[in-house]
PDB file of N, CA and C in Angstrom:
ATOM      1  N   MET A   1       0.851  -1.194  -0.002  1.00  0.00           N
ATOM      2  CA  MET A   1       0.026   0.024   0.038  1.00  0.00           C
ATOM      3  C   MET A   1       0.972   1.185   0.192  1.00  0.00           C
ATOM      4  N   LYS A   2       0.451   2.206  -0.675  1.00  0.00           N
ATOM      5  CA  LYS A   2       1.121   3.521  -0.778  1.00  0.00           C
ATOM      6  C   LYS A   2       0.262   4.743  -0.347  1.00  0.00           C
ATOM      7  N   LEU A   3       0.922   5.638   0.134  1.00  0.00           N
ATOM      8  CA  LEU A   3       0.300   6.848   0.528  1.00  0.00           C
ATOM      9  C   LEU A   3       0.744   8.094  -0.380  1.00  0.00           C
ATOM     10  N   VAL A   4       0.068   8.708  -1.298  1.00  0.00           N
ATOM     11  CA  VAL A   4       0.510   9.703  -2.265  1.00  0.00           C
ATOM     12  C   VAL A   4       0.105  11.145  -1.693  1.00  0.00           C
ATOM     13  N   PHE A   5       1.078  12.063  -1.569  1.00  0.00           N
ATOM     14  CA  PHE A   5       0.696  13.360  -1.230  1.00  0.00           C
ATOM     15  C   PHE A   5       1.091  14.103  -2.457  1.00  0.00           C
ATOM     16  N   ALA A   6       0.006  14.847  -3.018  1.00  0.00           N
ATOM     17  CA  ALA A   6       0.038  15.732  -4.262  1.00  0.00           C
ATOM     18  C   ALA A   6      -0.189  17.286  -3.858  1.00  0.00           C
ATOM     19  N   ILE A   7       0.742  17.929  -4.182  1.00  0.00           N
ATOM     20  CA  ILE A   7       0.512  19.411  -3.829  1.00  0.00           C
ATOM     21  C   ILE A   7       0.427  20.017  -5.177  1.00  0.00           C
ATOM     22  N   VAL A   8      -0.821  20.697  -5.535  1.00  0.00           N
ATOM     23  CA  VAL A   8      -1.151  21.246  -6.763  1.00  0.00           C
ATOM     24  C   VAL A   8      -1.681  22.599  -6.649  1.00  0.00           C
ATOM     25  N   SER A   9      -1.605  23.440  -7.639  1.00  0.00           N
ATOM     26  CA  SER A   9      -2.251  24.821  -7.543  1.00  0.00           C
ATOM     27  C   SER A   9      -3.665  24.771  -7.484  1.00  0.00           C
ATOM     28  N   ASN A  10      -4.213  25.773  -6.713  1.00  0.00           N
ATOM     29  CA  ASN A  10      -5.678  25.914  -6.585  1.00  0.00           C
ATOM     30  C   ASN A  10      -6.307  25.965  -7.895  1.00  0.00           C
ATOM     31  N   ASP A  11      -5.715  26.537  -8.989  1.00  0.00           N
ATOM     32  CA  ASP A  11      -6.261  26.611 -10.211  1.00  0.00           C
ATOM     33  C   ASP A  11      -6.615  25.209 -10.751  1.00  0.00           C
ATOM     34  N   ASP A  12      -5.818  24.228 -10.472  1.00  0.00           N
ATOM     35  CA  ASP A  12      -5.892  22.914 -11.122  1.00  0.00           C
ATOM     36  C   ASP A  12      -6.738  21.901 -10.104  1.00  0.00           C
ATOM     37  N   ALA A  13      -7.035  22.259  -8.722  1.00  0.00           N
ATOM     38  CA  ALA A  13      -7.445  21.514  -7.690  1.00  0.00           C
ATOM     39  C   ALA A  13      -8.832  20.780  -8.081  1.00  0.00           C
ATOM     40  N   SER A  14      -9.756  21.667  -8.739  1.00  0.00           N
ATOM     41  CA  SER A  14     -11.063  21.135  -8.965  1.00  0.00           C
ATOM     42  C   SER A  14     -11.068  19.898 -10.003  1.00  0.00           C
ATOM     43  N   LEU A  15     -10.189  20.178 -11.035  1.00  0.00           N
ATOM     44  CA  LEU A  15     -10.061  19.148 -11.935  1.00  0.00           C
ATOM     45  C   LEU A  15      -9.342  17.842 -11.399  1.00  0.00           C
ATOM     46  N   VAL A  16      -8.452  18.150 -10.772  1.00  0.00           N
ATOM     47  CA  VAL A  16      -7.664  16.913  -9.977  1.00  0.00           C
ATOM     48  C   VAL A  16      -8.595  16.238  -9.129  1.00  0.00           C
ATOM     49  N   ASN A  17      -9.434  16.899  -8.349  1.00  0.00           N
ATOM     50  CA  ASN A  17     -10.229  16.235  -7.389  1.00  0.00           C
ATOM     51  C   ASN A  17     -11.360  15.443  -8.233  1.00  0.00           C
ATOM     52  N   SER A  18     -11.872  16.118  -9.211  1.00  0.00           N
ATOM     53  CA  SER A  18     -12.950  15.372  -9.850  1.00  0.00           C
ATOM     54  C   SER A  18     -12.425  13.944 -10.862  1.00  0.00           C
ATOM     55  N   SER A  19     -11.267  14.174 -11.409  1.00  0.00           N
ATOM     56  CA  SER A  19     -10.585  13.077 -12.029  1.00  0.00           C
ATOM     57  C   SER A  19     -10.286  12.023 -11.269  1.00  0.00           C
ATOM     58  N   LEU A  20      -9.583  12.294 -10.050  1.00  0.00           N
ATOM     59  CA  LEU A  20      -9.302  11.256  -9.007  1.00  0.00           C
ATOM     60  C   LEU A  20     -10.530  10.428  -8.577  1.00  0.00           C
ATOM     61  N   THR A  21     -11.639  11.304  -8.173  1.00  0.00           N
ATOM     62  CA  THR A  21     -12.891  10.587  -7.601  1.00  0.00           C
ATOM     63  C   THR A  21     -13.552   9.725  -8.604  1.00  0.00           C
ATOM     64  N   LYS A  22     -13.621  10.305  -9.931  1.00  0.00           N
ATOM     65  CA  LYS A  22     -14.324   9.628 -10.949  1.00  0.00           C
ATOM     66  C   LYS A  22     -13.602   8.317 -11.420  1.00  0.00           C
ATOM     67  N   ALA A  23     -12.195   8.207 -11.062  1.00  0.00           N
ATOM     68  CA  ALA A  23     -11.412   6.973 -11.164  1.00  0.00           C
ATOM     69  C   ALA A  23     -11.550   6.119 -10.018  1.00  0.00           C
ATOM     70  N   GLY A  24     -12.296   6.373  -9.162  1.00  0.00           N
ATOM     71  CA  GLY A  24     -12.474   5.571  -7.834  1.00  0.00           C
ATOM     72  C   GLY A  24     -11.491   5.693  -6.608  1.00  0.00           C
ATOM     73  N   PHE A  25     -10.781   6.746  -6.876  1.00  0.00           N
ATOM     74  CA  PHE A  25      -9.705   7.071  -5.678  1.00  0.00           C
ATOM     75  C   PHE A  25     -10.382   7.773  -4.464  1.00  0.00           C
ATOM     76  N   HIS A  26     -10.212   7.394  -3.402  1.00  0.00           N
ATOM     77  CA  HIS A  26     -10.710   8.324  -2.309  1.00  0.00           C
ATOM     78  C   HIS A  26      -9.648   9.282  -1.821  1.00  0.00           C
ATOM     79  N   VAL A  27      -9.946  10.488  -1.745  1.00  0.00           N
ATOM     80  CA  VAL A  27      -8.920  11.667  -1.499  1.00  0.00           C
ATOM     81  C   VAL A  27      -9.305  12.475  -0.306  1.00  0.00           C
ATOM     82  N   THR A  28      -8.303  12.915   0.347  1.00  0.00           N
ATOM     83  CA  THR A  28      -8.504  14.089   1.357  1.00  0.00           C
ATOM     84  C   THR A  28      -7.743  15.239   0.871  1.00  0.00           C
ATOM     85  N   LYS A  29      -8.545  16.436   0.911  1.00  0.00           N
ATOM     86  CA  LYS A  29      -8.077  17.564   0.552  1.00  0.00           C
ATOM     87  C   LYS A  29      -7.616  18.492   1.693  1.00  0.00           C
ATOM     88  N   LEU A  30      -6.468  19.268   1.656  1.00  0.00           N
ATOM     89  CA  LEU A  30      -6.033  20.271   2.600  1.00  0.00           C
ATOM     90  C   LEU A  30      -5.658  21.440   1.850  1.00  0.00           C
ATOM     91  N   ALA A  31      -6.069  22.555   2.435  1.00  0.00           N
ATOM     92  CA  ALA A  31      -5.745  23.866   1.839  1.00  0.00           C
ATOM     93  C   ALA A  31      -4.414  24.156   2.357  1.00  0.00           C
ATOM     94  N   THR A  32      -3.366  24.489   1.516  1.00  0.00           N
ATOM     95  CA  THR A  32      -2.091  24.754   1.930  1.00  0.00           C
ATOM     96  C   THR A  32      -1.615  26.028   1.229  1.00  0.00           C
ATOM     97  N   THR A  33      -0.413  26.534   1.643  1.00  0.00           N
ATOM     98  CA  THR A  33       0.065  27.837   1.015  1.00  0.00           C
ATOM     99  C   THR A  33       1.534  27.470   0.776  1.00  0.00           C
ATOM    100  N   GLY A  34       1.978  27.919  -0.487  1.00  0.00           N
ATOM    101  CA  GLY A  34       3.405  27.783  -0.991  1.00  0.00           C
ATOM    102  C   GLY A  34       4.267  28.929  -0.336  1.00  0.00           C
ATOM    103  N   GLY A  35       5.422  28.556  -0.086  1.00  0.00           N
ATOM    104  CA  GLY A  35       6.456  29.470   0.656  1.00  0.00           C
ATOM    105  C   GLY A  35       6.874  30.538  -0.398  1.00  0.00           C
ATOM    106  N   PHE A  36       7.302  30.237  -1.574  1.00  0.00           N
ATOM    107  CA  PHE A  36       7.844  30.992  -2.454  1.00  0.00           C
ATOM    108  C   PHE A  36       7.021  32.128  -3.093  1.00  0.00           C
ATOM    109  N   LEU A  37       5.981  31.786  -3.579  1.00  0.00           N
ATOM    110  CA  LEU A  37       4.925  32.704  -4.042  1.00  0.00           C
ATOM    111  C   LEU A  37       3.810  32.972  -3.259  1.00  0.00           C
ATOM    112  N   LYS A  38       3.819  32.408  -2.090  1.00  0.00           N
ATOM    113  CA  LYS A  38       2.797  32.506  -1.088  1.00  0.00           C
ATOM    114  C   LYS A  38       1.371  32.363  -1.772  1.00  0.00           C
ATOM    115  N   ALA A  39       1.313  31.448  -2.823  1.00  0.00           N
ATOM    116  CA  ALA A  39       0.034  31.306  -3.394  1.00  0.00           C
ATOM    117  C   ALA A  39      -0.657  30.092  -2.790  1.00  0.00           C
ATOM    118  N   GLY A  40      -1.979  30.116  -3.007  1.00  0.00           N
ATOM    119  CA  GLY A  40      -2.832  28.993  -2.537  1.00  0.00           C
ATOM    120  C   GLY A  40      -2.556  27.778  -3.175  1.00  0.00           C
ATOM    121  N   ASN A  41      -2.464  26.695  -2.573  1.00  0.00           N
ATOM    122  CA  ASN A  41      -2.353  25.215  -3.061  1.00  0.00           C
ATOM    123  C   ASN A  41      -3.384  24.372  -2.369  1.00  0.00           C
ATOM    124  N   THR A  42      -3.479  23.359  -2.998  1.00  0.00           N
ATOM    125  CA  THR A  42      -4.416  22.239  -2.341  1.00  0.00           C
ATOM    126  C   THR A  42      -3.465  21.063  -2.432  1.00  0.00           C
ATOM    127  N   THR A  43      -3.354  20.326  -1.113  1.00  0.00           N
ATOM    128  CA  THR A  43      -2.542  19.133  -1.059  1.00  0.00           C
ATOM    129  C   THR A  43      -3.654  17.978  -0.988  1.00  0.00           C
ATOM    130  N   PHE A  44      -3.449  17.089  -1.928  1.00  0.00           N
ATOM    131  CA  PHE A  44      -4.297  15.774  -1.877  1.00  0.00           C
ATOM    132  C   PHE A  44      -3.604  14.671  -1.187  1.00  0.00           C
ATOM    133  N   ILE A  45      -4.160  13.914  -0.342  1.00  0.00           N
ATOM    134  CA  ILE A  45      -3.753  12.591   0.344  1.00  0.00           C
ATOM    135  C   ILE A  45      -4.556  11.689  -0.279  1.00  0.00           C
ATOM    136  N   ILE A  46      -3.694  10.541  -0.859  1.00  0.00           N
ATOM    137  CA  ILE A  46      -4.655   9.463  -1.486  1.00  0.00           C
ATOM    138  C   ILE A  46      -3.761   8.350  -0.929  1.00  0.00           C
ATOM    139  N   GLY A  47      -4.610   7.344  -0.466  1.00  0.00           N
ATOM    140  CA  GLY A  47      -4.254   5.954  -0.213  1.00  0.00           C
ATOM    141  C   GLY A  47      -4.581   4.966  -1.273  1.00  0.00           C
ATOM    142  N   THR A  48      -3.574   4.255  -1.700  1.00  0.00           N
ATOM    143  CA  THR A  48      -3.857   3.303  -3.000  1.00  0.00           C
ATOM    144  C   THR A  48      -3.053   2.109  -2.744  1.00  0.00           C
ATOM    145  N   GLU A  49      -3.437   1.177  -3.566  1.00  0.00           N
ATOM    146  CA  GLU A  49      -2.535  -0.010  -3.760  1.00  0.00           C
ATOM    147  C   GLU A  49      -1.414   0.206  -4.655  1.00  0.00           C
ATOM    148  N   ASP A  50      -0.327  -0.513  -4.421  1.00  0.00           N
ATOM    149  CA  ASP A  50       0.988  -0.211  -5.129  1.00  0.00           C
ATOM    150  C   ASP A  50       0.731  -0.061  -6.710  1.00  0.00           C
ATOM    151  N   GLU A  51      -0.047  -1.090  -7.042  1.00  0.00           N
ATOM    152  CA  GLU A  51      -0.245  -1.189  -8.651  1.00  0.00           C
ATOM    153  C   GLU A  51      -1.106   0.059  -9.220  1.00  0.00           C
ATOM    154  N   LYS A  52      -1.695   0.833  -8.249  1.00  0.00           N
ATOM    155  CA  LYS A  52      -2.468   1.818  -8.800  1.00  0.00           C
ATOM    156  C   LYS A  52      -1.847   3.151  -8.811  1.00  0.00           C
ATOM    157  N   VAL A  53      -0.605   3.350  -8.223  1.00  0.00           N
ATOM    158  CA  VAL A  53       0.149   4.592  -8.190  1.00  0.00           C
ATOM    159  C   VAL A  53       0.295   5.123  -9.580  1.00  0.00           C
ATOM    160  N   ASP A  54       0.700   4.476 -10.491  1.00  0.00           N
ATOM    161  CA  ASP A  54       0.909   5.049 -11.678  1.00  0.00           C
ATOM    162  C   ASP A  54      -0.319   5.602 -12.366  1.00  0.00           C
ATOM    163  N   LYS A  55      -1.445   5.119 -12.117  1.00  0.00           N
ATOM    164  CA  LYS A  55      -2.738   5.610 -12.567  1.00  0.00           C
ATOM    165  C   LYS A  55      -2.895   6.922 -11.918  1.00  0.00           C
ATOM    166  N   VAL A  56      -2.717   6.973 -10.625  1.00  0.00           N
ATOM    167  CA  VAL A  56      -2.759   8.302  -9.879  1.00  0.00           C
ATOM    168  C   VAL A  56      -1.715   9.501 -10.544  1.00  0.00           C
ATOM    169  N   LEU A  57      -0.514   9.019 -10.760  1.00  0.00           N
ATOM    170  CA  LEU A  57       0.425   9.978 -11.266  1.00  0.00           C
ATOM    171  C   LEU A  57      -0.090  10.290 -12.717  1.00  0.00           C
ATOM    172  N   GLU A  58      -0.489   9.357 -13.489  1.00  0.00           N
ATOM    173  CA  GLU A  58      -1.095   9.899 -14.840  1.00  0.00           C
ATOM    174  C   GLU A  58      -2.278  10.784 -14.806  1.00  0.00           C
ATOM    175  N   LEU A  59      -3.111  10.734 -13.851  1.00  0.00           N
ATOM    176  CA  LEU A  59      -4.321  11.459 -13.794  1.00  0.00           C
ATOM    177  C   LEU A  59      -3.702  13.073 -13.220  1.00  0.00           C
ATOM    178  N   LEU A  60      -2.821  12.981 -12.332  1.00  0.00           N
ATOM    179  CA  LEU A  60      -2.206  14.248 -12.059  1.00  0.00           C
ATOM    180  C   LEU A  60      -1.517  14.955 -13.220  1.00  0.00           C
ATOM    181  N   ARG A  61      -0.684  14.118 -13.884  1.00  0.00           N
ATOM    182  CA  ARG A  61      -0.017  14.919 -15.142  1.00  0.00           C
ATOM    183  C   ARG A  61      -0.927  15.433 -16.104  1.00  0.00           C
ATOM    184  N   ARG A  62      -2.079  14.802 -16.280  1.00  0.00           N
ATOM    185  CA  ARG A  62      -3.152  15.216 -17.231  1.00  0.00           C
ATOM    186  C   ARG A  62      -3.716  16.694 -16.603  1.00  0.00           C
ATOM    187  N   GLN A  63      -4.042  16.683 -15.417  1.00  0.00           N
ATOM    188  CA  GLN A  63      -4.711  17.884 -14.869  1.00  0.00           C
ATOM    189  C   GLN A  63      -3.924  18.939 -14.379  1.00  0.00           C
ATOM    190  N   CYS A  64      -2.711  18.731 -14.072  1.00  0.00           N
ATOM    191  CA  CYS A  64      -1.859  19.779 -13.641  1.00  0.00           C
ATOM    192  C   CYS A  64      -0.870  20.491 -14.438  1.00  0.00           C
ATOM    193  N   SER A  65      -1.495  21.496 -15.176  1.00  0.00           N
ATOM    194  CA  SER A  65      -0.568  22.035 -16.249  1.00  0.00           C
ATOM    195  C   SER A  65       0.415  23.122 -15.654  1.00  0.00           C
ATOM    196  N   ARG A  66       1.495  22.945 -16.157  1.00  0.00           N
ATOM    197  CA  ARG A  66       2.698  23.959 -15.898  1.00  0.00           C
ATOM    198  C   ARG A  66       2.686  25.116 -16.675  1.00  0.00           C
ATOM    199  N   ARG A  67       2.701  26.373 -16.116  1.00  0.00           N
ATOM    200  CA  ARG A  67       2.481  27.437 -17.100  1.00  0.00           C
ATOM    201  C   ARG A  67       3.346  28.653 -16.367  1.00  0.00           C
ATOM    202  N   THR A  68       3.627  29.587 -17.093  1.00  0.00           N
ATOM    203  CA  THR A  68       4.411  30.815 -16.560  1.00  0.00           C
ATOM    204  C   THR A  68       3.477  31.941 -16.161  1.00  0.00           C
ATOM    205  N   GLN A  69       3.874  32.690 -15.314  1.00  0.00           N
ATOM    206  CA  GLN A  69       3.110  33.876 -14.740  1.00  0.00           C
ATOM    207  C   GLN A  69       4.017  35.071 -14.476  1.00  0.00           C
ATOM    208  N   MET A  70       3.597  36.325 -14.833  1.00  0.00           N
ATOM    209  CA  MET A  70       4.508  37.454 -14.459  1.00  0.00           C
ATOM    210  C   MET A  70       4.025  37.694 -13.022  1.00  0.00           C
ATOM    211  N   MET A  71       5.179  38.121 -12.242  1.00  0.00           N
ATOM    212  CA  MET A  71       4.953  38.375 -10.761  1.00  0.00           C
ATOM    213  C   MET A  71       5.831  39.647 -10.575  1.00  0.00           C
ATOM    214  N   PRO A  72       5.368  40.611  -9.757  1.00  0.00           N
ATOM    215  CA  PRO A  72       6.025  41.736  -9.451  1.00  0.00           C
ATOM    216  C   PRO A  72       7.333  41.410  -8.765  1.00  0.00           C
ATOM    217  N   ASN A  73       8.358  42.106  -9.119  1.00  0.00           N
ATOM    218  CA  ASN A  73       9.631  41.855  -8.310  1.00  0.00           C
ATOM    219  C   ASN A  73       9.881  43.000  -7.578  1.00  0.00           C
ATOM    220  N   THR A  74      10.075  42.848  -6.203  1.00  0.00           N
ATOM    221  CA  THR A  74      10.208  43.944  -5.217  1.00  0.00           C
ATOM    222  C   THR A  74      11.555  43.909  -4.574  1.00  0.00           C
ATOM    223  N   THR A  75      12.208  44.898  -4.458  1.00  0.00           N
ATOM    224  CA  THR A  75      13.673  44.924  -3.850  1.00  0.00           C
ATOM    225  C   THR A  75      13.670  45.789  -2.528  1.00  0.00           C
ATOM    226  N   ALA A  76      14.187  45.321  -1.363  1.00  0.00           N
ATOM    227  CA  ALA A  76      14.223  46.215  -0.416  1.00  0.00           C
ATOM    228  C   ALA A  76      15.635  46.793  -0.239  1.00  0.00           C
ATOM    229  N   MET A  77      15.672  48.117  -0.296  1.00  0.00           N
ATOM    230  CA  MET A  77      16.900  49.007  -0.236  1.00  0.00           C
ATOM    231  C   MET A  77      16.771  50.034   0.758  1.00  0.00           C
ATOM    232  N   ASP A  78      17.821  50.280   1.778  1.00  0.00           N
ATOM    233  CA  ASP A  78      17.630  51.338   2.658  1.00  0.00           C
ATOM    234  C   ASP A  78      16.376  51.319   3.396  1.00  0.00           C
ATOM    235  N   GLY A  79      15.809  50.218   3.681  1.00  0.00           N
ATOM    236  CA  GLY A  79      14.546  50.065   4.521  1.00  0.00           C
ATOM    237  C   GLY A  79      13.332  50.258   3.696  1.00  0.00           C
ATOM    238  N   ALA A  80      13.417  50.662   2.468  1.00  0.00           N
ATOM    239  CA  ALA A  80      12.234  51.064   1.845  1.00  0.00           C
ATOM    240  C   ALA A  80      12.029  49.951   0.547  1.00  0.00           C
ATOM    241  N   MET A  81      10.912  49.703   0.172  1.00  0.00           N
ATOM    242  CA  MET A  81      10.632  48.683  -0.822  1.00  0.00           C
ATOM    243  C   MET A  81      10.359  49.421  -2.181  1.00  0.00           C
ATOM    244  N   TYR A  82      11.168  48.915  -3.172  1.00  0.00           N
ATOM    245  CA  TYR A  82      11.151  49.421  -4.463  1.00  0.00           C
ATOM    246  C   TYR A  82      10.587  48.462  -5.408  1.00  0.00           C
ATOM    247  N   SER A  83       9.716  48.700  -6.346  1.00  0.00           N
ATOM    248  CA  SER A  83       9.119  47.890  -7.239  1.00  0.00           C
ATOM    249  C   SER A  83       9.881  48.048  -8.561  1.00  0.00           C
ATOM    250  N   THR A  84      10.385  47.001  -8.990  1.00  0.00           N
ATOM    251  CA  THR A  84      11.139  46.964 -10.374  1.00  0.00           C
ATOM    252  C   THR A  84      10.229  46.139 -11.451  1.00  0.00           C
ATOM    253  N   TYR A  85      11.016  45.777 -12.386  1.00  0.00           N
ATOM    254  CA  TYR A  85      10.325  45.077 -13.565  1.00  0.00           C
ATOM    255  C   TYR A  85       9.776  43.630 -13.101  1.00  0.00           C
ATOM    256  N   PRO A  86       8.713  43.362 -13.667  1.00  0.00           N
ATOM    257  CA  PRO A  86       8.175  42.063 -13.213  1.00  0.00           C
ATOM    258  C   PRO A  86       8.963  40.856 -13.816  1.00  0.00           C
ATOM    259  N   ILE A  87       8.962  39.798 -13.110  1.00  0.00           N
ATOM    260  CA  ILE A  87       9.671  38.562 -13.638  1.00  0.00           C
ATOM    261  C   ILE A  87       8.735  37.476 -13.958  1.00  0.00           C
ATOM    262  N   GLU A  88       9.263  36.563 -14.836  1.00  0.00           N
ATOM    263  CA  GLU A  88       8.453  35.482 -15.098  1.00  0.00           C
ATOM    264  C   GLU A  88       8.708  34.297 -14.425  1.00  0.00           C
ATOM    265  N   VAL A  89       7.733  33.645 -13.689  1.00  0.00           N
ATOM    266  CA  VAL A  89       8.144  32.395 -12.900  1.00  0.00           C
ATOM    267  C   VAL A  89       7.115  31.185 -13.331  1.00  0.00           C
ATOM    268  N   ALA A  90       7.479  30.030 -13.021  1.00  0.00           N
ATOM    269  CA  ALA A  90       6.951  28.886 -13.491  1.00  0.00           C
ATOM    270  C   ALA A  90       5.767  28.514 -12.307  1.00  0.00           C
ATOM    271  N   VAL A  91       4.686  28.468 -12.794  1.00  0.00           N
ATOM    272  CA  VAL A  91       3.562  27.957 -11.749  1.00  0.00           C
ATOM    273  C   VAL A  91       2.818  26.712 -12.135  1.00  0.00           C
ATOM    274  N   GLY A  92       1.930  26.147 -11.416  1.00  0.00           N
ATOM    275  CA  GLY A  92       1.353  25.032 -11.664  1.00  0.00           C
ATOM    276  C   GLY A  92       2.114  23.736 -11.557  1.00  0.00           C
ATOM    277  N   GLY A  93       1.595  22.737 -12.142  1.00  0.00           N
ATOM    278  CA  GLY A  93       2.238  21.409 -12.184  1.00  0.00           C
ATOM    279  C   GLY A  93       1.915  20.687 -10.781  1.00  0.00           C
ATOM    280  N   ALA A  94       2.541  19.855 -10.396  1.00  0.00           N
ATOM    281  CA  ALA A  94       2.447  19.269  -9.034  1.00  0.00           C
ATOM    282  C   ALA A  94       3.761  18.839  -8.517  1.00  0.00           C
ATOM    283  N   THR A  95       3.673  18.725  -7.094  1.00  0.00           N
ATOM    284  CA  THR A  95       4.780  18.171  -6.449  1.00  0.00           C
ATOM    285  C   THR A  95       4.183  16.960  -5.753  1.00  0.00           C
ATOM    286  N   VAL A  96       4.875  15.760  -6.069  1.00  0.00           N
ATOM    287  CA  VAL A  96       4.144  14.471  -5.571  1.00  0.00           C
ATOM    288  C   VAL A  96       5.177  13.766  -4.710  1.00  0.00           C
ATOM    289  N   PHE A  97       4.884  13.281  -3.707  1.00  0.00           N
ATOM    290  CA  PHE A  97       5.528  12.264  -2.766  1.00  0.00           C
ATOM    291  C   PHE A  97       4.686  10.939  -2.682  1.00  0.00           C
ATOM    292  N   VAL A  98       5.539   9.772  -2.871  1.00  0.00           N
ATOM    293  CA  VAL A  98       4.906   8.706  -2.671  1.00  0.00           C
ATOM    294  C   VAL A  98       5.638   7.725  -1.523  1.00  0.00           C
ATOM    295  N   LEU A  99       4.835   7.407  -0.488  1.00  0.00           N
ATOM    296  CA  LEU A  99       5.252   6.789   0.688  1.00  0.00           C
ATOM    297  C   LEU A  99       4.786   5.413   0.943  1.00  0.00           C
ATOM    298  N   ASN A 100       5.680   4.528   1.420  1.00  0.00           N
ATOM    299  CA  ASN A 100       5.219   3.298   1.806  1.00  0.00           C
ATOM    300  C   ASN A 100       4.327   3.204   2.976  1.00  0.00           C
ATOM    301  N   VAL A 101       3.368   2.575   2.956  1.00  0.00           N
ATOM    302  CA  VAL A 101       2.417   2.433   4.233  1.00  0.00           C
ATOM    303  C   VAL A 101       2.600   1.186   4.910  1.00  0.00           C
ATOM    304  N   ASP A 102       3.082   1.097   6.161  1.00  0.00           N
ATOM    305  CA  ASP A 102       3.277  -0.205   6.981  1.00  0.00           C
ATOM    306  C   ASP A 102       2.126  -0.849   7.348  1.00  0.00           C
ATOM    307  N   ARG A 103       0.923   0.090   7.711  1.00  0.00           N
ATOM    308  CA  ARG A 103      -0.134  -0.603   8.250  1.00  0.00           C
ATOM    309  C   ARG A 103      -1.233   0.471   7.859  1.00  0.00           C
ATOM    310  N   PHE A 104      -2.325  -0.152   7.458  1.00  0.00           N
ATOM    311  CA  PHE A 104      -3.640   0.710   7.216  1.00  0.00           C
ATOM    312  C   PHE A 104      -4.922   0.059   7.980  1.00  0.00           C
ATOM    313  N   GLU A 105      -5.668   0.979   8.576  1.00  0.00           N
ATOM    314  CA  GLU A 105      -6.894   0.482   9.289  1.00  0.00           C
ATOM    315  C   GLU A 105      -7.985   1.556   8.831  1.00  0.00           C
ATOM    316  N   LYS A 106      -9.090   1.062   8.465  1.00  0.00           N
ATOM    317  CA  LYS A 106     -10.232   1.900   8.301  1.00  0.00           C
ATOM    318  C   LYS A 106     -11.282   1.551   9.509  1.00  0.00           C
ATOM    319  N   LEU A 107     -11.412   2.469  10.409  1.00  0.00           N
ATOM    320  CA  LEU A 107     -12.061   2.203  11.495  1.00  0.00           C
ATOM    321  C   LEU A 107     -13.517   3.095  11.511  1.00  0.00           C
TER     322      LEU A 107
END
């Protein structure tokens, strides 16, 4: 048995949730926030059999699109914040952790 943690952008969370549940996976959703962009994310926790992990990853790849976004670039100098030119950053996609489960009980 495996436990899959998938951190996805809030923009992709609805599609991910519906795809996983349609495919018969039980998911738990947590609202999370990224550290770098301070943007909203959704973390999905999915428990599944070893042989179904590839199906979970396939669904995530299909629904979590990577894209670029322009973000304001601010610089602190002499105690004041200065706004400079915007920078392009990559957003979206998914960060996925797959862990072994030693024991599972549904009470």
